[in-house]
N, C-alpha and C. Protein backbone atom coordinates (compact mmCIF):
# COMPACT_ATOMS: atom_id res chain seq x y z
N UNK A 1 -7.03 -12.02 -42.03
CA UNK A 1 -6.16 -11.16 -41.22
C UNK A 1 -6.93 -9.98 -40.64
N UNK A 2 -7.83 -9.41 -41.50
CA UNK A 2 -8.59 -8.28 -41.01
C UNK A 2 -9.49 -8.67 -39.85
N UNK A 3 -10.12 -9.85 -39.96
CA UNK A 3 -11.00 -10.32 -38.89
C UNK A 3 -10.22 -10.50 -37.59
N UNK A 4 -9.02 -11.08 -37.69
CA UNK A 4 -8.18 -11.27 -36.51
C UNK A 4 -7.80 -9.93 -35.90
N UNK A 5 -7.46 -8.97 -36.75
CA UNK A 5 -7.07 -7.64 -36.26
C UNK A 5 -8.24 -6.95 -35.58
N UNK A 6 -9.43 -7.08 -36.16
CA UNK A 6 -10.61 -6.47 -35.56
C UNK A 6 -10.92 -7.11 -34.21
N UNK A 7 -10.78 -8.42 -34.14
CA UNK A 7 -11.05 -9.13 -32.89
C UNK A 7 -10.06 -8.73 -31.79
N UNK A 8 -8.82 -8.59 -32.17
CA UNK A 8 -7.80 -8.17 -31.21
C UNK A 8 -8.06 -6.74 -30.75
N UNK A 9 -8.43 -5.89 -31.69
CA UNK A 9 -8.74 -4.51 -31.33
C UNK A 9 -9.94 -4.45 -30.39
N UNK A 10 -10.96 -5.24 -30.69
CA UNK A 10 -12.14 -5.29 -29.82
C UNK A 10 -11.77 -5.76 -28.43
N UNK A 11 -10.92 -6.79 -28.34
CA UNK A 11 -10.50 -7.31 -27.05
C UNK A 11 -9.73 -6.26 -26.26
N UNK A 12 -8.85 -5.53 -26.94
CA UNK A 12 -8.08 -4.48 -26.28
C UNK A 12 -8.98 -3.38 -25.76
N UNK A 13 -10.00 -3.02 -26.53
CA UNK A 13 -10.94 -1.98 -26.10
C UNK A 13 -11.71 -2.45 -24.87
N UNK A 14 -12.16 -3.69 -24.88
CA UNK A 14 -12.89 -4.24 -23.73
C UNK A 14 -12.01 -4.25 -22.48
N UNK A 15 -10.76 -4.67 -22.65
CA UNK A 15 -9.83 -4.70 -21.51
C UNK A 15 -9.57 -3.29 -20.99
N UNK A 16 -9.40 -2.35 -21.90
CA UNK A 16 -9.14 -0.97 -21.48
C UNK A 16 -10.33 -0.38 -20.74
N UNK A 17 -11.55 -0.60 -21.27
CA UNK A 17 -12.75 -0.09 -20.61
C UNK A 17 -12.92 -0.74 -19.24
N UNK A 18 -12.69 -2.05 -19.18
CA UNK A 18 -12.80 -2.74 -17.89
C UNK A 18 -11.78 -2.23 -16.89
N UNK A 19 -10.55 -2.02 -17.36
CA UNK A 19 -9.52 -1.50 -16.47
C UNK A 19 -9.82 -0.09 -16.00
N UNK A 20 -10.35 0.73 -16.91
CA UNK A 20 -10.73 2.09 -16.54
C UNK A 20 -11.82 2.08 -15.49
N UNK A 21 -12.80 1.21 -15.65
CA UNK A 21 -13.90 1.12 -14.69
C UNK A 21 -13.38 0.69 -13.32
N UNK A 22 -12.51 -0.31 -13.29
CA UNK A 22 -11.95 -0.80 -12.02
C UNK A 22 -11.15 0.30 -11.33
N UNK A 23 -10.30 0.98 -12.09
CA UNK A 23 -9.46 2.04 -11.52
C UNK A 23 -10.31 3.18 -10.97
N UNK A 24 -11.32 3.59 -11.75
CA UNK A 24 -12.19 4.68 -11.31
C UNK A 24 -12.99 4.28 -10.09
N UNK A 25 -13.49 3.06 -10.07
CA UNK A 25 -14.25 2.55 -8.93
C UNK A 25 -13.42 2.61 -7.65
N UNK A 26 -12.17 2.17 -7.72
CA UNK A 26 -11.29 2.19 -6.55
C UNK A 26 -11.08 3.62 -6.05
N UNK A 27 -10.88 4.54 -6.98
CA UNK A 27 -10.62 5.93 -6.58
C UNK A 27 -11.85 6.56 -5.94
N UNK A 28 -13.03 6.32 -6.49
CA UNK A 28 -14.25 6.90 -5.95
C UNK A 28 -14.54 6.34 -4.55
N UNK A 29 -14.40 5.04 -4.38
CA UNK A 29 -14.67 4.41 -3.09
C UNK A 29 -13.68 4.87 -2.02
N UNK A 30 -12.44 5.13 -2.42
CA UNK A 30 -11.40 5.48 -1.45
C UNK A 30 -11.41 6.95 -1.06
N UNK A 31 -12.04 7.78 -1.87
CA UNK A 31 -11.94 9.23 -1.66
C UNK A 31 -12.30 9.67 -0.24
N UNK A 32 -13.40 9.18 0.37
CA UNK A 32 -13.74 9.63 1.73
C UNK A 32 -12.81 9.09 2.81
N UNK A 33 -11.98 8.11 2.45
CA UNK A 33 -11.14 7.44 3.43
C UNK A 33 -9.69 7.93 3.38
N UNK A 34 -9.39 8.91 2.54
CA UNK A 34 -8.02 9.39 2.38
C UNK A 34 -7.90 10.79 2.96
N UNK A 35 -6.83 11.00 3.75
CA UNK A 35 -6.63 12.27 4.45
C UNK A 35 -5.24 12.82 4.15
N UNK A 36 -5.14 14.15 4.24
CA UNK A 36 -3.86 14.81 4.03
C UNK A 36 -3.13 15.10 5.34
N UNK A 37 -3.88 15.29 6.41
CA UNK A 37 -3.29 15.64 7.71
C UNK A 37 -3.45 14.49 8.70
N UNK A 38 -2.39 14.21 9.45
CA UNK A 38 -2.41 13.09 10.39
C UNK A 38 -3.51 13.23 11.44
N UNK A 39 -3.77 14.47 11.87
CA UNK A 39 -4.76 14.66 12.93
C UNK A 39 -6.19 14.37 12.47
N UNK A 40 -6.41 14.28 11.16
CA UNK A 40 -7.75 14.01 10.65
C UNK A 40 -8.05 12.52 10.49
N UNK A 41 -7.04 11.68 10.62
CA UNK A 41 -7.23 10.24 10.47
C UNK A 41 -7.99 9.71 11.70
N UNK A 42 -9.07 8.97 11.50
CA UNK A 42 -9.81 8.41 12.64
C UNK A 42 -8.95 7.46 13.48
N UNK A 43 -9.47 7.07 14.64
CA UNK A 43 -8.74 6.17 15.53
C UNK A 43 -8.48 4.82 14.84
N UNK A 44 -7.26 4.36 14.95
CA UNK A 44 -6.87 3.08 14.36
C UNK A 44 -5.98 2.32 15.35
N UNK A 45 -5.80 1.04 15.08
CA UNK A 45 -4.96 0.20 15.94
C UNK A 45 -3.50 0.22 15.51
N UNK A 46 -3.27 0.52 14.24
CA UNK A 46 -1.90 0.47 13.73
C UNK A 46 -1.74 1.35 12.51
N UNK A 47 -0.50 1.74 12.29
CA UNK A 47 -0.11 2.48 11.09
C UNK A 47 0.74 1.55 10.24
N UNK A 48 0.34 1.36 9.00
CA UNK A 48 1.05 0.45 8.10
C UNK A 48 1.85 1.24 7.08
N UNK A 49 3.13 0.87 6.95
CA UNK A 49 3.98 1.50 5.93
C UNK A 49 4.43 0.41 4.95
N UNK A 50 3.89 0.38 3.73
CA UNK A 50 4.36 -0.58 2.74
C UNK A 50 5.79 -0.26 2.31
N UNK A 51 6.57 -1.29 2.11
CA UNK A 51 7.97 -1.10 1.76
C UNK A 51 8.18 -0.54 0.36
N UNK A 52 9.36 -0.05 0.14
CA UNK A 52 9.81 0.43 -1.17
C UNK A 52 11.33 0.28 -1.19
N UNK A 53 11.95 0.75 -2.23
CA UNK A 53 13.38 0.51 -2.40
C UNK A 53 14.23 1.12 -1.28
N UNK A 54 15.30 0.40 -0.96
CA UNK A 54 16.30 0.86 -0.01
C UNK A 54 17.67 0.73 -0.68
N UNK A 55 18.52 1.73 -0.55
CA UNK A 55 19.86 1.65 -1.12
C UNK A 55 20.72 0.65 -0.34
N UNK A 56 21.75 0.14 -0.98
CA UNK A 56 22.60 -0.86 -0.33
C UNK A 56 23.26 -0.31 0.94
N UNK A 57 23.38 0.97 1.03
CA UNK A 57 23.94 1.60 2.23
C UNK A 57 22.98 1.55 3.41
N UNK A 58 21.73 1.17 3.14
CA UNK A 58 20.72 1.16 4.19
C UNK A 58 19.88 2.42 4.20
N UNK A 59 20.22 3.37 3.35
CA UNK A 59 19.46 4.62 3.28
C UNK A 59 18.16 4.38 2.53
N UNK A 60 17.08 4.97 3.03
CA UNK A 60 15.78 4.82 2.39
C UNK A 60 15.74 5.58 1.07
N UNK A 61 15.06 5.02 0.09
CA UNK A 61 14.83 5.74 -1.15
C UNK A 61 13.92 6.93 -0.86
N UNK A 62 13.89 7.92 -1.75
CA UNK A 62 13.03 9.09 -1.50
C UNK A 62 11.56 8.73 -1.29
N UNK A 63 11.05 7.77 -2.05
CA UNK A 63 9.64 7.37 -1.90
C UNK A 63 9.40 6.79 -0.51
N UNK A 64 10.28 5.90 -0.05
CA UNK A 64 10.11 5.27 1.26
C UNK A 64 10.37 6.27 2.38
N UNK A 65 11.31 7.16 2.19
CA UNK A 65 11.59 8.19 3.19
C UNK A 65 10.35 9.05 3.42
N UNK A 66 9.67 9.42 2.35
CA UNK A 66 8.45 10.21 2.47
C UNK A 66 7.39 9.45 3.27
N UNK A 67 7.26 8.17 2.99
CA UNK A 67 6.26 7.36 3.71
C UNK A 67 6.58 7.29 5.20
N UNK A 68 7.83 7.06 5.52
CA UNK A 68 8.21 6.91 6.93
C UNK A 68 8.05 8.22 7.69
N UNK A 69 8.42 9.32 7.10
CA UNK A 69 8.26 10.61 7.77
C UNK A 69 6.78 10.88 8.08
N UNK A 70 5.92 10.62 7.12
CA UNK A 70 4.49 10.86 7.30
C UNK A 70 3.91 9.89 8.33
N UNK A 71 4.35 8.64 8.30
CA UNK A 71 3.86 7.64 9.24
C UNK A 71 4.25 8.00 10.67
N UNK A 72 5.47 8.45 10.86
CA UNK A 72 5.91 8.83 12.20
C UNK A 72 5.17 10.07 12.70
N UNK A 73 4.85 10.95 11.78
CA UNK A 73 4.05 12.12 12.15
C UNK A 73 2.72 11.70 12.74
N UNK A 74 2.11 10.67 12.15
CA UNK A 74 0.85 10.14 12.66
C UNK A 74 1.05 9.35 13.95
N UNK A 75 2.04 8.47 13.96
CA UNK A 75 2.24 7.57 15.10
C UNK A 75 2.66 8.30 16.37
N UNK A 76 3.51 9.31 16.26
CA UNK A 76 3.96 10.04 17.44
C UNK A 76 2.81 10.79 18.12
N UNK A 77 1.78 11.08 17.37
CA UNK A 77 0.64 11.78 17.95
C UNK A 77 -0.34 10.86 18.64
N UNK A 78 -0.07 9.55 18.62
CA UNK A 78 -0.99 8.57 19.21
C UNK A 78 -0.20 7.54 20.00
N UNK A 79 0.17 7.86 21.23
CA UNK A 79 0.98 6.96 22.06
C UNK A 79 0.38 5.57 22.17
N UNK A 80 1.23 4.57 22.03
CA UNK A 80 0.80 3.18 22.16
C UNK A 80 0.36 2.54 20.86
N UNK A 81 0.25 3.31 19.79
CA UNK A 81 -0.17 2.75 18.52
C UNK A 81 0.95 1.90 17.94
N UNK A 82 0.58 0.86 17.20
CA UNK A 82 1.56 -0.01 16.57
C UNK A 82 1.97 0.54 15.21
N UNK A 83 3.23 0.34 14.88
CA UNK A 83 3.77 0.74 13.59
C UNK A 83 4.16 -0.52 12.84
N UNK A 84 3.45 -0.84 11.78
CA UNK A 84 3.72 -2.05 11.00
C UNK A 84 4.59 -1.68 9.81
N UNK A 85 5.76 -2.30 9.75
CA UNK A 85 6.71 -2.04 8.67
C UNK A 85 6.78 -3.30 7.80
N UNK A 86 6.36 -3.16 6.56
CA UNK A 86 6.24 -4.33 5.70
C UNK A 86 7.14 -4.19 4.47
N UNK A 87 7.82 -5.28 4.14
CA UNK A 87 8.71 -5.24 2.98
C UNK A 87 9.39 -6.58 2.79
N UNK A 88 10.46 -6.58 2.04
CA UNK A 88 11.18 -7.81 1.75
C UNK A 88 12.68 -7.60 1.94
N UNK A 89 13.39 -8.71 1.86
CA UNK A 89 14.85 -8.67 1.94
C UNK A 89 15.43 -9.17 0.63
N UNK A 90 16.32 -8.42 0.06
CA UNK A 90 16.98 -8.82 -1.18
C UNK A 90 18.22 -9.66 -0.81
N UNK A 91 18.32 -10.91 -1.30
CA UNK A 91 19.49 -11.74 -0.97
C UNK A 91 20.80 -11.03 -1.28
N UNK A 92 21.70 -11.05 -0.32
CA UNK A 92 23.00 -10.38 -0.43
C UNK A 92 22.84 -8.90 -0.74
N UNK A 93 21.73 -8.37 -0.29
CA UNK A 93 21.47 -6.96 -0.54
C UNK A 93 20.98 -6.27 0.71
N UNK A 94 19.83 -5.67 0.64
CA UNK A 94 19.31 -4.87 1.73
C UNK A 94 18.02 -5.48 2.28
N UNK A 95 17.67 -5.08 3.48
CA UNK A 95 16.40 -5.44 4.09
C UNK A 95 15.57 -4.18 4.22
N UNK A 96 14.44 -4.14 3.54
CA UNK A 96 13.58 -2.97 3.63
C UNK A 96 13.11 -2.74 5.06
N UNK A 97 12.66 -3.82 5.71
CA UNK A 97 12.10 -3.66 7.05
C UNK A 97 13.15 -3.26 8.08
N UNK A 98 14.37 -3.76 7.95
CA UNK A 98 15.43 -3.38 8.88
C UNK A 98 15.74 -1.88 8.73
N UNK A 99 15.86 -1.44 7.48
CA UNK A 99 16.15 -0.03 7.25
C UNK A 99 15.02 0.86 7.77
N UNK A 100 13.79 0.42 7.59
CA UNK A 100 12.64 1.17 8.08
C UNK A 100 12.60 1.20 9.60
N UNK A 101 12.89 0.06 10.21
CA UNK A 101 12.89 -0.01 11.67
C UNK A 101 13.97 0.89 12.26
N UNK A 102 15.16 0.81 11.67
CA UNK A 102 16.26 1.66 12.14
C UNK A 102 15.90 3.14 12.03
N UNK A 103 15.25 3.49 10.95
CA UNK A 103 14.83 4.87 10.73
C UNK A 103 13.87 5.32 11.83
N UNK A 104 12.89 4.46 12.14
CA UNK A 104 11.88 4.81 13.14
C UNK A 104 12.47 4.89 14.54
N UNK A 105 13.27 3.89 14.90
CA UNK A 105 13.84 3.85 16.26
C UNK A 105 14.83 4.98 16.47
N UNK A 106 15.61 5.28 15.45
CA UNK A 106 16.57 6.38 15.55
C UNK A 106 15.87 7.70 15.84
N UNK A 107 14.67 7.84 15.34
CA UNK A 107 13.90 9.06 15.57
C UNK A 107 13.06 9.03 16.84
N UNK A 108 13.24 7.97 17.62
CA UNK A 108 12.63 7.93 18.93
C UNK A 108 11.34 7.14 19.06
N UNK A 109 10.95 6.42 18.00
CA UNK A 109 9.74 5.61 18.12
C UNK A 109 10.06 4.35 18.92
N UNK A 110 9.19 3.97 19.88
CA UNK A 110 9.47 2.80 20.75
C UNK A 110 9.60 1.51 19.96
N UNK A 111 10.71 0.80 20.14
CA UNK A 111 10.93 -0.44 19.42
C UNK A 111 9.87 -1.49 19.75
N UNK A 112 9.34 -1.45 20.96
CA UNK A 112 8.34 -2.44 21.39
C UNK A 112 7.03 -2.30 20.63
N UNK A 113 6.81 -1.15 20.03
CA UNK A 113 5.56 -0.92 19.29
C UNK A 113 5.72 -1.09 17.78
N UNK A 114 6.87 -1.64 17.38
CA UNK A 114 7.12 -1.88 15.95
C UNK A 114 6.81 -3.34 15.63
N UNK A 115 5.98 -3.57 14.62
CA UNK A 115 5.69 -4.91 14.13
C UNK A 115 6.32 -5.06 12.76
N UNK A 116 7.03 -6.16 12.55
CA UNK A 116 7.77 -6.38 11.31
C UNK A 116 7.10 -7.46 10.47
N UNK A 117 6.88 -7.15 9.21
CA UNK A 117 6.36 -8.11 8.24
C UNK A 117 7.39 -8.24 7.12
N UNK A 118 8.19 -9.29 7.19
CA UNK A 118 9.24 -9.49 6.18
C UNK A 118 8.74 -10.19 4.93
N UNK A 119 7.44 -10.52 4.91
CA UNK A 119 6.89 -11.23 3.75
C UNK A 119 5.99 -10.33 2.92
N UNK A 120 6.18 -9.02 3.05
CA UNK A 120 5.34 -8.07 2.32
C UNK A 120 5.84 -7.81 0.92
N UNK A 121 5.74 -8.80 0.07
CA UNK A 121 6.26 -8.67 -1.29
C UNK A 121 5.31 -7.90 -2.21
N UNK A 122 4.10 -7.64 -1.74
CA UNK A 122 3.13 -6.89 -2.52
C UNK A 122 2.15 -6.23 -1.55
N UNK A 123 1.35 -5.31 -2.06
CA UNK A 123 0.36 -4.65 -1.22
C UNK A 123 -0.65 -5.66 -0.70
N UNK A 124 -1.05 -6.59 -1.54
CA UNK A 124 -2.01 -7.63 -1.13
C UNK A 124 -1.45 -8.45 0.02
N UNK A 125 -0.20 -8.92 -0.10
CA UNK A 125 0.40 -9.74 0.94
C UNK A 125 0.62 -8.94 2.23
N UNK A 126 0.98 -7.68 2.10
CA UNK A 126 1.16 -6.84 3.28
C UNK A 126 -0.13 -6.78 4.09
N UNK A 127 -1.24 -6.52 3.43
CA UNK A 127 -2.52 -6.40 4.14
C UNK A 127 -3.02 -7.76 4.62
N UNK A 128 -2.80 -8.79 3.83
CA UNK A 128 -3.21 -10.12 4.26
C UNK A 128 -2.45 -10.54 5.52
N UNK A 129 -1.14 -10.26 5.56
CA UNK A 129 -0.35 -10.59 6.75
C UNK A 129 -0.81 -9.78 7.96
N UNK A 130 -1.13 -8.52 7.75
CA UNK A 130 -1.62 -7.69 8.86
C UNK A 130 -2.93 -8.23 9.41
N UNK A 131 -3.75 -8.73 8.53
CA UNK A 131 -5.05 -9.28 8.94
C UNK A 131 -4.90 -10.62 9.62
N UNK A 132 -4.11 -11.52 9.03
CA UNK A 132 -4.03 -12.89 9.54
C UNK A 132 -2.99 -13.08 10.65
N UNK A 133 -1.84 -12.45 10.52
CA UNK A 133 -0.77 -12.65 11.51
C UNK A 133 -0.90 -11.72 12.71
N UNK A 134 -1.25 -10.49 12.46
CA UNK A 134 -1.31 -9.51 13.54
C UNK A 134 -2.73 -9.24 14.03
N UNK A 135 -3.72 -9.77 13.32
CA UNK A 135 -5.10 -9.61 13.75
C UNK A 135 -5.61 -8.17 13.71
N UNK A 136 -5.09 -7.38 12.81
CA UNK A 136 -5.47 -5.97 12.76
C UNK A 136 -6.75 -5.78 11.96
N UNK A 137 -7.60 -4.89 12.43
CA UNK A 137 -8.87 -4.61 11.75
C UNK A 137 -9.01 -3.15 11.34
N UNK A 138 -8.53 -2.22 12.18
CA UNK A 138 -8.63 -0.79 11.87
C UNK A 138 -7.21 -0.25 11.70
N UNK A 139 -6.89 0.16 10.48
CA UNK A 139 -5.52 0.54 10.19
C UNK A 139 -5.46 1.82 9.36
N UNK A 140 -4.34 2.50 9.45
CA UNK A 140 -4.04 3.64 8.59
C UNK A 140 -2.88 3.26 7.69
N UNK A 141 -3.07 3.41 6.40
CA UNK A 141 -2.03 3.11 5.43
C UNK A 141 -1.39 4.41 4.97
N UNK A 142 -0.07 4.44 5.00
CA UNK A 142 0.65 5.65 4.63
C UNK A 142 1.40 5.39 3.33
N UNK A 143 1.02 6.13 2.29
CA UNK A 143 1.67 5.91 1.00
C UNK A 143 1.38 7.10 0.08
N UNK A 144 1.95 7.01 -1.13
CA UNK A 144 1.72 8.05 -2.11
C UNK A 144 0.28 7.97 -2.64
N UNK A 145 -0.17 9.06 -3.20
CA UNK A 145 -1.55 9.20 -3.64
C UNK A 145 -1.98 8.12 -4.62
N UNK A 146 -1.11 7.80 -5.58
CA UNK A 146 -1.48 6.82 -6.61
C UNK A 146 -1.71 5.42 -6.04
N UNK A 147 -1.10 5.13 -4.89
CA UNK A 147 -1.12 3.79 -4.32
C UNK A 147 -2.31 3.54 -3.40
N UNK A 148 -2.82 4.59 -2.76
CA UNK A 148 -3.81 4.42 -1.71
C UNK A 148 -5.15 3.83 -2.15
N UNK A 149 -5.74 4.22 -3.29
CA UNK A 149 -7.02 3.62 -3.66
C UNK A 149 -6.98 2.10 -3.75
N UNK A 150 -5.91 1.58 -4.33
CA UNK A 150 -5.79 0.12 -4.43
C UNK A 150 -5.59 -0.53 -3.07
N UNK A 151 -4.74 0.08 -2.24
CA UNK A 151 -4.48 -0.47 -0.92
C UNK A 151 -5.75 -0.49 -0.07
N UNK A 152 -6.52 0.57 -0.13
CA UNK A 152 -7.75 0.63 0.65
C UNK A 152 -8.81 -0.33 0.12
N UNK A 153 -8.83 -0.53 -1.19
CA UNK A 153 -9.75 -1.51 -1.76
C UNK A 153 -9.42 -2.91 -1.24
N UNK A 154 -8.14 -3.26 -1.25
CA UNK A 154 -7.72 -4.58 -0.76
C UNK A 154 -8.10 -4.74 0.71
N UNK A 155 -7.81 -3.73 1.52
CA UNK A 155 -8.14 -3.79 2.94
C UNK A 155 -9.64 -4.02 3.14
N UNK A 156 -10.45 -3.29 2.39
CA UNK A 156 -11.90 -3.42 2.51
C UNK A 156 -12.35 -4.82 2.17
N UNK A 157 -11.81 -5.39 1.12
CA UNK A 157 -12.21 -6.73 0.70
C UNK A 157 -11.72 -7.82 1.64
N UNK A 158 -10.69 -7.51 2.43
CA UNK A 158 -10.19 -8.47 3.42
C UNK A 158 -10.88 -8.29 4.77
N UNK A 159 -11.88 -7.45 4.83
CA UNK A 159 -12.64 -7.27 6.06
C UNK A 159 -12.01 -6.31 7.04
N UNK A 160 -11.18 -5.40 6.56
CA UNK A 160 -10.52 -4.42 7.42
C UNK A 160 -11.10 -3.03 7.17
N UNK A 161 -11.06 -2.19 8.19
CA UNK A 161 -11.41 -0.79 8.02
C UNK A 161 -10.10 -0.02 7.84
N UNK A 162 -9.90 0.46 6.65
CA UNK A 162 -8.65 1.15 6.36
C UNK A 162 -8.86 2.62 6.06
N UNK A 163 -7.88 3.41 6.45
CA UNK A 163 -7.84 4.83 6.11
C UNK A 163 -6.49 5.13 5.48
N UNK A 164 -6.45 6.09 4.61
CA UNK A 164 -5.20 6.43 3.95
C UNK A 164 -4.70 7.79 4.40
N UNK A 165 -3.39 7.86 4.66
CA UNK A 165 -2.74 9.13 4.93
C UNK A 165 -1.84 9.40 3.73
N UNK A 166 -2.18 10.45 3.01
CA UNK A 166 -1.55 10.71 1.73
C UNK A 166 -0.18 11.36 1.86
N UNK A 167 0.80 10.77 1.18
CA UNK A 167 2.11 11.39 1.00
C UNK A 167 2.07 12.10 -0.33
N UNK A 168 2.22 13.39 -0.32
CA UNK A 168 2.11 14.15 -1.56
C UNK A 168 3.26 13.83 -2.49
N UNK A 169 2.99 13.80 -3.79
CA UNK A 169 4.03 13.46 -4.76
C UNK A 169 5.26 14.35 -4.60
N UNK A 170 6.40 13.71 -4.62
CA UNK A 170 7.64 14.46 -4.53
C UNK A 170 8.52 14.10 -5.70
N UNK A 171 9.33 13.08 -5.47
CA UNK A 171 10.28 12.69 -6.49
C UNK A 171 9.64 11.96 -7.65
N UNK A 172 8.73 10.98 -7.33
CA UNK A 172 8.18 10.17 -8.42
C UNK A 172 6.69 9.97 -8.32
N UNK A 173 6.04 10.57 -7.32
CA UNK A 173 4.63 10.31 -7.12
C UNK A 173 3.76 10.68 -8.30
N UNK A 174 4.13 11.69 -9.05
CA UNK A 174 3.28 12.10 -10.15
C UNK A 174 3.78 11.61 -11.49
N UNK A 175 4.78 10.76 -11.50
CA UNK A 175 5.38 10.29 -12.74
C UNK A 175 4.42 9.40 -13.50
N UNK A 176 4.32 9.59 -14.81
CA UNK A 176 3.37 8.83 -15.61
C UNK A 176 3.70 7.35 -15.63
N UNK A 177 4.98 7.00 -15.51
CA UNK A 177 5.35 5.60 -15.47
C UNK A 177 4.77 4.90 -14.26
N UNK A 178 4.82 5.59 -13.11
CA UNK A 178 4.21 5.03 -11.91
C UNK A 178 2.71 4.88 -12.09
N UNK A 179 2.07 5.86 -12.72
CA UNK A 179 0.63 5.80 -12.91
C UNK A 179 0.23 4.64 -13.81
N UNK A 180 0.99 4.42 -14.87
CA UNK A 180 0.70 3.31 -15.77
C UNK A 180 0.87 1.98 -15.05
N UNK A 181 1.93 1.87 -14.29
CA UNK A 181 2.17 0.64 -13.53
C UNK A 181 1.04 0.42 -12.53
N UNK A 182 0.59 1.47 -11.88
CA UNK A 182 -0.47 1.36 -10.88
C UNK A 182 -1.78 0.94 -11.53
N UNK A 183 -2.04 1.43 -12.73
CA UNK A 183 -3.27 1.06 -13.44
C UNK A 183 -3.34 -0.45 -13.62
N UNK A 184 -2.25 -1.06 -14.07
CA UNK A 184 -2.22 -2.51 -14.25
C UNK A 184 -2.29 -3.24 -12.90
N UNK A 185 -1.67 -2.67 -11.88
CA UNK A 185 -1.69 -3.28 -10.55
C UNK A 185 -3.10 -3.29 -9.99
N UNK A 186 -3.88 -2.26 -10.28
CA UNK A 186 -5.26 -2.22 -9.80
C UNK A 186 -6.09 -3.33 -10.42
N UNK A 187 -5.92 -3.53 -11.72
CA UNK A 187 -6.64 -4.61 -12.40
C UNK A 187 -6.23 -5.96 -11.83
N UNK A 188 -4.94 -6.14 -11.63
CA UNK A 188 -4.42 -7.41 -11.09
C UNK A 188 -4.98 -7.68 -9.71
N UNK A 189 -4.92 -6.70 -8.82
CA UNK A 189 -5.37 -6.93 -7.44
C UNK A 189 -6.88 -7.02 -7.33
N UNK A 190 -7.60 -6.33 -8.20
CA UNK A 190 -9.06 -6.48 -8.24
C UNK A 190 -9.42 -7.94 -8.49
N UNK A 191 -8.73 -8.55 -9.44
CA UNK A 191 -8.96 -9.95 -9.76
C UNK A 191 -8.46 -10.86 -8.64
N UNK A 192 -7.26 -10.58 -8.13
CA UNK A 192 -6.65 -11.42 -7.11
C UNK A 192 -7.50 -11.48 -5.85
N UNK A 193 -7.98 -10.33 -5.38
CA UNK A 193 -8.76 -10.30 -4.14
C UNK A 193 -10.05 -11.08 -4.30
N UNK A 194 -10.70 -10.95 -5.43
CA UNK A 194 -11.96 -11.66 -5.65
C UNK A 194 -11.74 -13.17 -5.76
N UNK A 195 -10.68 -13.59 -6.40
CA UNK A 195 -10.36 -15.01 -6.46
C UNK A 195 -10.03 -15.53 -5.07
N UNK A 196 -9.25 -14.76 -4.30
CA UNK A 196 -8.90 -15.16 -2.93
C UNK A 196 -10.14 -15.33 -2.07
N UNK A 197 -11.04 -14.36 -2.14
CA UNK A 197 -12.26 -14.43 -1.33
C UNK A 197 -13.13 -15.61 -1.74
N UNK A 198 -13.12 -15.96 -3.02
CA UNK A 198 -13.91 -17.08 -3.49
C UNK A 198 -13.42 -18.40 -2.88
N UNK A 199 -12.10 -18.56 -2.83
CA UNK A 199 -11.53 -19.81 -2.32
C UNK A 199 -11.39 -19.81 -0.79
N UNK A 200 -11.57 -18.64 -0.15
CA UNK A 200 -11.46 -18.58 1.30
C UNK A 200 -12.74 -18.02 1.92
N UNK A 201 -13.84 -18.27 1.26
CA UNK A 201 -15.12 -17.80 1.80
C UNK A 201 -15.41 -18.49 3.12
N UNK A 202 -15.92 -17.71 4.07
CA UNK A 202 -16.21 -18.26 5.40
C UNK A 202 -17.72 -18.25 5.61
């Protein structure tokens, strides 16, 4: 029993150290690519807003509302830029992308410059769809601070030049639960992207 316990403890330590290394690597690599002010973001072809929860009334959750406000701040300053809204639809519930589009158009953003990705069930799929379906190469991702290092890592590995526009923590951005969830998501996507590239090497 002791041997089994020691082996399990050793495995947990190895996994924790590996996860820490992956998370730190993503943060260090992303640091020069993340900006606080819209005017500091380099020229891009599109602004990407990853989806988040929407209430059944169609109202954006606080996290998504923050993302959309910041994204529009960037997009309105660059006429002709595309706004990519990515998310999913809950059966008999709400559509993240519809709520996001309504929010943008209501505030005066041109509907013709909105691109909808209804298959954005994860950050990886959102960026993969932007790369393969929309042919985007230079993009700005708008999200909370904890999310951007992973998103930019995925973009980089998919052959895209990505920049992050940081939404400062408000309601839940600094919550430890979100941070713990993001830590595991970084490990998952680090593995996923490398497996994907292996099977789709060109």
